[in-house]
Amino acid sequence: MVQKKVSEIKEGDTILVYGEKAVVKKIETSGKGIKQGRVKCRIEAESLKDKKPTVIIRLAEDMIETND
């Protein structure tokens, strides 16, 4: 597994979510917020193990583990 910035992830990438591998189905990026002033990403992923959908929200500059 390799670490990537959340903002560099694309649909179809395999990421590690809560200790399980999941495929990114959709990713949305927000603009800078008024309170925090940071860009956030909403990631919809599907577990490879049991096909369970998961939604996580991370800052765009955070690092996440991928299979690339």
PDB file of N, CA and C in Angstrom:
ATOM      1  N   MET A   1       0.838  -1.183   0.000  1.00  0.00           N
ATOM      2  CA  MET A   1       0.000   0.000   0.000  1.00  0.00           C
ATOM      3  C   MET A   1       0.889   1.255   0.000  1.00  0.00           C
ATOM      4  N   VAL A   2       0.450   2.249  -0.729  1.00  0.00           N
ATOM      5  CA  VAL A   2       1.172   3.503  -0.881  1.00  0.00           C
ATOM      6  C   VAL A   2       0.304   4.629  -0.331  1.00  0.00           C
ATOM      7  N   GLN A   3       0.909   5.640   0.233  1.00  0.00           N
ATOM      8  CA  GLN A   3       0.151   6.779   0.745  1.00  0.00           C
ATOM      9  C   GLN A   3       0.021   7.845  -0.334  1.00  0.00           C
ATOM     10  N   LYS A   4      -1.195   8.379  -0.479  1.00  0.00           N
ATOM     11  CA  LYS A   4      -1.489   9.447  -1.432  1.00  0.00           C
ATOM     12  C   LYS A   4      -2.298  10.516  -0.719  1.00  0.00           C
ATOM     13  N   LYS A   5      -2.254  11.738  -1.249  1.00  0.00           N
ATOM     14  CA  LYS A   5      -3.145  12.771  -0.736  1.00  0.00           C
ATOM     15  C   LYS A   5      -4.571  12.430  -1.143  1.00  0.00           C
ATOM     16  N   VAL A   6      -5.515  12.752  -0.293  1.00  0.00           N
ATOM     17  CA  VAL A   6      -6.921  12.461  -0.575  1.00  0.00           C
ATOM     18  C   VAL A   6      -7.363  13.162  -1.862  1.00  0.00           C
ATOM     19  N   SER A   7      -6.857  14.344  -2.120  1.00  0.00           N
ATOM     20  CA  SER A   7      -7.241  15.091  -3.323  1.00  0.00           C
ATOM     21  C   SER A   7      -6.758  14.419  -4.613  1.00  0.00           C
ATOM     22  N   GLU A   8      -5.807  13.465  -4.531  1.00  0.00           N
ATOM     23  CA  GLU A   8      -5.274  12.784  -5.709  1.00  0.00           C
ATOM     24  C   GLU A   8      -6.000  11.474  -6.025  1.00  0.00           C
ATOM     25  N   ILE A   9      -6.918  11.067  -5.176  1.00  0.00           N
ATOM     26  CA  ILE A   9      -7.637   9.806  -5.377  1.00  0.00           C
ATOM     27  C   ILE A   9      -8.667   9.969  -6.483  1.00  0.00           C
ATOM     28  N   LYS A  10      -8.860   8.893  -7.254  1.00  0.00           N
ATOM     29  CA  LYS A  10      -9.837   8.900  -8.349  1.00  0.00           C
ATOM     30  C   LYS A  10     -10.814   7.747  -8.165  1.00  0.00           C
ATOM     31  N   GLU A  11     -11.933   7.817  -8.876  1.00  0.00           N
ATOM     32  CA  GLU A  11     -12.900   6.718  -8.859  1.00  0.00           C
ATOM     33  C   GLU A  11     -12.236   5.457  -9.392  1.00  0.00           C
ATOM     34  N   GLY A  12     -12.490   4.335  -8.722  1.00  0.00           N
ATOM     35  CA  GLY A  12     -11.898   3.068  -9.129  1.00  0.00           C
ATOM     36  C   GLY A  12     -10.649   2.705  -8.353  1.00  0.00           C
ATOM     37  N   ASP A  13     -10.054   3.672  -7.638  1.00  0.00           N
ATOM     38  CA  ASP A  13      -8.880   3.373  -6.807  1.00  0.00           C
ATOM     39  C   ASP A  13      -9.279   2.494  -5.627  1.00  0.00           C
ATOM     40  N   THR A  14      -8.348   1.671  -5.177  1.00  0.00           N
ATOM     41  CA  THR A  14      -8.565   0.850  -3.990  1.00  0.00           C
ATOM     42  C   THR A  14      -7.868   1.529  -2.822  1.00  0.00           C
ATOM     43  N   ILE A  15      -8.640   1.780  -1.747  1.00  0.00           N
ATOM     44  CA  ILE A  15      -8.099   2.451  -0.567  1.00  0.00           C
ATOM     45  C   ILE A  15      -8.339   1.597   0.671  1.00  0.00           C
ATOM     46  N   LEU A  16      -7.690   1.952   1.749  1.00  0.00           N
ATOM     47  CA  LEU A  16      -7.866   1.273   3.015  1.00  0.00           C
ATOM     48  C   LEU A  16      -8.773   2.130   3.892  1.00  0.00           C
ATOM     49  N   VAL A  17      -9.971   1.601   4.243  1.00  0.00           N
ATOM     50  CA  VAL A  17     -10.942   2.317   5.058  1.00  0.00           C
ATOM     51  C   VAL A  17     -11.241   1.472   6.285  1.00  0.00           C
ATOM     52  N   TYR A  18     -10.938   2.005   7.466  1.00  0.00           N
ATOM     53  CA  TYR A  18     -11.176   1.296   8.730  1.00  0.00           C
ATOM     54  C   TYR A  18     -10.579  -0.109   8.718  1.00  0.00           C
ATOM     55  N   GLY A  19      -9.385  -0.256   8.130  1.00  0.00           N
ATOM     56  CA  GLY A  19      -8.684  -1.528   8.122  1.00  0.00           C
ATOM     57  C   GLY A  19      -9.096  -2.503   7.036  1.00  0.00           C
ATOM     58  N   GLU A  20     -10.047  -2.116   6.173  1.00  0.00           N
ATOM     59  CA  GLU A  20     -10.504  -2.983   5.085  1.00  0.00           C
ATOM     60  C   GLU A  20     -10.283  -2.299   3.744  1.00  0.00           C
ATOM     61  N   LYS A  21      -9.995  -3.101   2.721  1.00  0.00           N
ATOM     62  CA  LYS A  21      -9.836  -2.559   1.376  1.00  0.00           C
ATOM     63  C   LYS A  21     -11.206  -2.234   0.810  1.00  0.00           C
ATOM     64  N   ALA A  22     -11.273  -1.090   0.118  1.00  0.00           N
ATOM     65  CA  ALA A  22     -12.521  -0.641  -0.484  1.00  0.00           C
ATOM     66  C   ALA A  22     -12.226   0.048  -1.809  1.00  0.00           C
ATOM     67  N   VAL A  23     -13.185  -0.017  -2.738  1.00  0.00           N
ATOM     68  CA  VAL A  23     -13.060   0.620  -4.042  1.00  0.00           C
ATOM     69  C   VAL A  23     -13.822   1.938  -4.003  1.00  0.00           C
ATOM     70  N   VAL A  24     -13.179   3.009  -4.461  1.00  0.00           N
ATOM     71  CA  VAL A  24     -13.805   4.325  -4.493  1.00  0.00           C
ATOM     72  C   VAL A  24     -14.852   4.350  -5.608  1.00  0.00           C
ATOM     73  N   LYS A  25     -16.092   4.643  -5.244  1.00  0.00           N
ATOM     74  CA  LYS A  25     -17.184   4.726  -6.212  1.00  0.00           C
ATOM     75  C   LYS A  25     -17.442   6.163  -6.644  1.00  0.00           C
ATOM     76  N   LYS A  26     -17.272   7.100  -5.705  1.00  0.00           N
ATOM     77  CA  LYS A  26     -17.548   8.506  -6.011  1.00  0.00           C
ATOM     78  C   LYS A  26     -16.745   9.375  -5.053  1.00  0.00           C
ATOM     79  N   ILE A  27     -16.241  10.482  -5.549  1.00  0.00           N
ATOM     80  CA  ILE A  27     -15.518  11.429  -4.699  1.00  0.00           C
ATOM     81  C   ILE A  27     -15.957  12.843  -5.046  1.00  0.00           C
ATOM     82  N   GLU A  28     -16.290  13.618  -4.017  1.00  0.00           N
ATOM     83  CA  GLU A  28     -16.722  15.001  -4.195  1.00  0.00           C
ATOM     84  C   GLU A  28     -15.789  15.898  -3.388  1.00  0.00           C
ATOM     85  N   THR A  29     -15.442  17.039  -3.953  1.00  0.00           N
ATOM     86  CA  THR A  29     -14.556  17.978  -3.282  1.00  0.00           C
ATOM     87  C   THR A  29     -15.306  19.277  -3.034  1.00  0.00           C
ATOM     88  N   SER A  30     -15.242  19.768  -1.791  1.00  0.00           N
ATOM     89  CA  SER A  30     -15.908  21.019  -1.448  1.00  0.00           C
ATOM     90  C   SER A  30     -14.937  22.177  -1.617  1.00  0.00           C
ATOM     91  N   GLY A  31     -15.480  23.372  -1.579  1.00  0.00           N
ATOM     92  CA  GLY A  31     -14.634  24.552  -1.598  1.00  0.00           C
ATOM     93  C   GLY A  31     -14.093  24.809  -0.202  1.00  0.00           C
ATOM     94  N   LYS A  32     -13.322  25.856  -0.052  1.00  0.00           N
ATOM     95  CA  LYS A  32     -12.811  26.205   1.269  1.00  0.00           C
ATOM     96  C   LYS A  32     -13.974  26.610   2.162  1.00  0.00           C
ATOM     97  N   GLY A  33     -13.980  26.076   3.381  1.00  0.00           N
ATOM     98  CA  GLY A  33     -15.027  26.416   4.334  1.00  0.00           C
ATOM     99  C   GLY A  33     -14.751  27.745   5.006  1.00  0.00           C
ATOM    100  N   ILE A  34     -15.786  28.345   5.539  1.00  0.00           N
ATOM    101  CA  ILE A  34     -15.639  29.631   6.218  1.00  0.00           C
ATOM    102  C   ILE A  34     -14.966  29.437   7.578  1.00  0.00           C
ATOM    103  N   LYS A  35     -15.360  28.400   8.303  1.00  0.00           N
ATOM    104  CA  LYS A  35     -14.822  28.195   9.648  1.00  0.00           C
ATOM    105  C   LYS A  35     -13.388  27.691   9.631  1.00  0.00           C
ATOM    106  N   GLN A  36     -13.112  26.626   8.889  1.00  0.00           N
ATOM    107  CA  GLN A  36     -11.782  26.033   8.901  1.00  0.00           C
ATOM    108  C   GLN A  36     -10.877  26.554   7.791  1.00  0.00           C
ATOM    109  N   GLY A  37     -11.443  26.983   6.691  1.00  0.00           N
ATOM    110  CA  GLY A  37     -10.648  27.479   5.576  1.00  0.00           C
ATOM    111  C   GLY A  37      -9.895  26.390   4.840  1.00  0.00           C
ATOM    112  N   ARG A  38     -10.414  25.154   4.895  1.00  0.00           N
ATOM    113  CA  ARG A  38      -9.756  24.027   4.242  1.00  0.00           C
ATOM    114  C   ARG A  38     -10.713  23.311   3.304  1.00  0.00           C
ATOM    115  N   VAL A  39     -10.147  22.674   2.284  1.00  0.00           N
ATOM    116  CA  VAL A  39     -10.927  21.910   1.313  1.00  0.00           C
ATOM    117  C   VAL A  39     -11.139  20.502   1.864  1.00  0.00           C
ATOM    118  N   LYS A  40     -12.381  20.013   1.770  1.00  0.00           N
ATOM    119  CA  LYS A  40     -12.705  18.674   2.247  1.00  0.00           C
ATOM    120  C   LYS A  40     -13.160  17.797   1.088  1.00  0.00           C
ATOM    121  N   CYS A  41     -12.939  16.489   1.219  1.00  0.00           N
ATOM    122  CA  CYS A  41     -13.358  15.521   0.210  1.00  0.00           C
ATOM    123  C   CYS A  41     -14.304  14.512   0.846  1.00  0.00           C
ATOM    124  N   ARG A  42     -15.395  14.227   0.158  1.00  0.00           N
ATOM    125  CA  ARG A  42     -16.358  13.208   0.597  1.00  0.00           C
ATOM    126  C   ARG A  42     -16.155  12.004  -0.315  1.00  0.00           C
ATOM    127  N   ILE A  43     -15.793  10.866   0.291  1.00  0.00           N
ATOM    128  CA  ILE A  43     -15.472   9.665  -0.475  1.00  0.00           C
ATOM    129  C   ILE A  43     -16.510   8.593  -0.204  1.00  0.00           C
ATOM    130  N   GLU A  44     -17.155   8.114  -1.276  1.00  0.00           N
ATOM    131  CA  GLU A  44     -18.064   6.980  -1.178  1.00  0.00           C
ATOM    132  C   GLU A  44     -17.303   5.768  -1.693  1.00  0.00           C
ATOM    133  N   ALA A  45     -17.184   4.743  -0.843  1.00  0.00           N
ATOM    134  CA  ALA A  45     -16.427   3.549  -1.207  1.00  0.00           C
ATOM    135  C   ALA A  45     -17.246   2.300  -0.900  1.00  0.00           C
ATOM    136  N   GLU A  46     -16.890   1.197  -1.568  1.00  0.00           N
ATOM    137  CA  GLU A  46     -17.568  -0.081  -1.368  1.00  0.00           C
ATOM    138  C   GLU A  46     -16.533  -1.123  -0.952  1.00  0.00           C
ATOM    139  N   SER A  47     -16.779  -1.790   0.169  1.00  0.00           N
ATOM    140  CA  SER A  47     -15.857  -2.787   0.692  1.00  0.00           C
ATOM    141  C   SER A  47     -15.697  -3.939  -0.289  1.00  0.00           C
ATOM    142  N   LEU A  48     -14.455  -4.396  -0.476  1.00  0.00           N
ATOM    143  CA  LEU A  48     -14.209  -5.546  -1.349  1.00  0.00           C
ATOM    144  C   LEU A  48     -14.662  -6.844  -0.678  1.00  0.00           C
ATOM    145  N   LYS A  49     -14.676  -6.843   0.639  1.00  0.00           N
ATOM    146  CA  LYS A  49     -14.996  -8.044   1.405  1.00  0.00           C
ATOM    147  C   LYS A  49     -16.483  -8.391   1.341  1.00  0.00           C
ATOM    148  N   ASP A  50     -17.346  -7.427   1.695  1.00  0.00           N
ATOM    149  CA  ASP A  50     -18.776  -7.722   1.779  1.00  0.00           C
ATOM    150  C   ASP A  50     -19.663  -6.758   0.981  1.00  0.00           C
ATOM    151  N   LYS A  51     -19.047  -5.940   0.137  1.00  0.00           N
ATOM    152  CA  LYS A  51     -19.760  -4.983  -0.735  1.00  0.00           C
ATOM    153  C   LYS A  51     -20.561  -3.940   0.049  1.00  0.00           C
ATOM    154  N   LYS A  52     -20.200  -3.715   1.307  1.00  0.00           N
ATOM    155  CA  LYS A  52     -20.895  -2.746   2.137  1.00  0.00           C
ATOM    156  C   LYS A  52     -20.437  -1.328   1.787  1.00  0.00           C
ATOM    157  N   PRO A  53     -21.371  -0.389   1.545  1.00  0.00           N
ATOM    158  CA  PRO A  53     -20.979   0.988   1.216  1.00  0.00           C
ATOM    159  C   PRO A  53     -20.523   1.752   2.462  1.00  0.00           C
ATOM    160  N   THR A  54     -19.542   2.614   2.277  1.00  0.00           N
ATOM    161  CA  THR A  54     -18.999   3.435   3.353  1.00  0.00           C
ATOM    162  C   THR A  54     -18.775   4.839   2.823  1.00  0.00           C
ATOM    163  N   VAL A  55     -19.061   5.829   3.660  1.00  0.00           N
ATOM    164  CA  VAL A  55     -18.809   7.222   3.303  1.00  0.00           C
ATOM    165  C   VAL A  55     -17.867   7.807   4.351  1.00  0.00           C
ATOM    166  N   ILE A  56     -16.764   8.402   3.893  1.00  0.00           N
ATOM    167  CA  ILE A  56     -15.838   9.072   4.796  1.00  0.00           C
ATOM    168  C   ILE A  56     -15.573  10.477   4.287  1.00  0.00           C
ATOM    169  N   ILE A  57     -15.271  11.371   5.214  1.00  0.00           N
ATOM    170  CA  ILE A  57     -14.933  12.751   4.851  1.00  0.00           C
ATOM    171  C   ILE A  57     -13.555  13.041   5.423  1.00  0.00           C
ATOM    172  N   ARG A  58     -12.666  13.500   4.559  1.00  0.00           N
ATOM    173  CA  ARG A  58     -11.289  13.799   4.955  1.00  0.00           C
ATOM    174  C   ARG A  58     -10.884  15.143   4.361  1.00  0.00           C
ATOM    175  N   LEU A  59      -9.902  15.780   4.985  1.00  0.00           N
ATOM    176  CA  LEU A  59      -9.333  16.993   4.416  1.00  0.00           C
ATOM    177  C   LEU A  59      -8.553  16.621   3.161  1.00  0.00           C
ATOM    178  N   ALA A  60      -8.550  17.493   2.173  1.00  0.00           N
ATOM    179  CA  ALA A  60      -7.902  17.214   0.884  1.00  0.00           C
ATOM    180  C   ALA A  60      -6.409  16.959   1.025  1.00  0.00           C
ATOM    181  N   GLU A  61      -5.768  17.576   2.017  1.00  0.00           N
ATOM    182  CA  GLU A  61      -4.321  17.390   2.168  1.00  0.00           C
ATOM    183  C   GLU A  61      -3.957  16.197   3.051  1.00  0.00           C
ATOM    184  N   ASP A  62      -4.948  15.516   3.651  1.00  0.00           N
ATOM    185  CA  ASP A  62      -4.684  14.318   4.447  1.00  0.00           C
ATOM    186  C   ASP A  62      -4.151  13.200   3.560  1.00  0.00           C
ATOM    187  N   MET A  63      -3.385  12.288   4.178  1.00  0.00           N
ATOM    188  CA  MET A  63      -2.853  11.138   3.453  1.00  0.00           C
ATOM    189  C   MET A  63      -3.745   9.917   3.707  1.00  0.00           C
ATOM    190  N   ILE A  64      -3.898   9.081   2.671  1.00  0.00           N
ATOM    191  CA  ILE A  64      -4.699   7.860   2.777  1.00  0.00           C
ATOM    192  C   ILE A  64      -3.968   6.747   2.028  1.00  0.00           C
ATOM    193  N   GLU A  65      -4.097   5.521   2.501  1.00  0.00           N
ATOM    194  CA  GLU A  65      -3.402   4.407   1.866  1.00  0.00           C
ATOM    195  C   GLU A  65      -4.162   3.904   0.649  1.00  0.00           C
ATOM    196  N   THR A  66      -3.431   3.716  -0.468  1.00  0.00           N
ATOM    197  CA  THR A  66      -4.019   3.214  -1.713  1.00  0.00           C
ATOM    198  C   THR A  66      -3.213   2.037  -2.214  1.00  0.00           C
ATOM    199  N   ASN A  67      -3.733   1.365  -3.229  1.00  0.00           N
ATOM    200  CA  ASN A  67      -3.068   0.212  -3.827  1.00  0.00           C
ATOM    201  C   ASN A  67      -2.200   0.581  -5.021  1.00  0.00           C
ATOM    202  N   ASP A  68      -2.109   1.857  -5.373  1.00  0.00           N
ATOM    203  CA  ASP A  68      -1.362   2.259  -6.572  1.00  0.00           C
ATOM    204  C   ASP A  68       0.119   2.158  -6.390  1.00  0.00           C
TER     205      ASP A  68
END
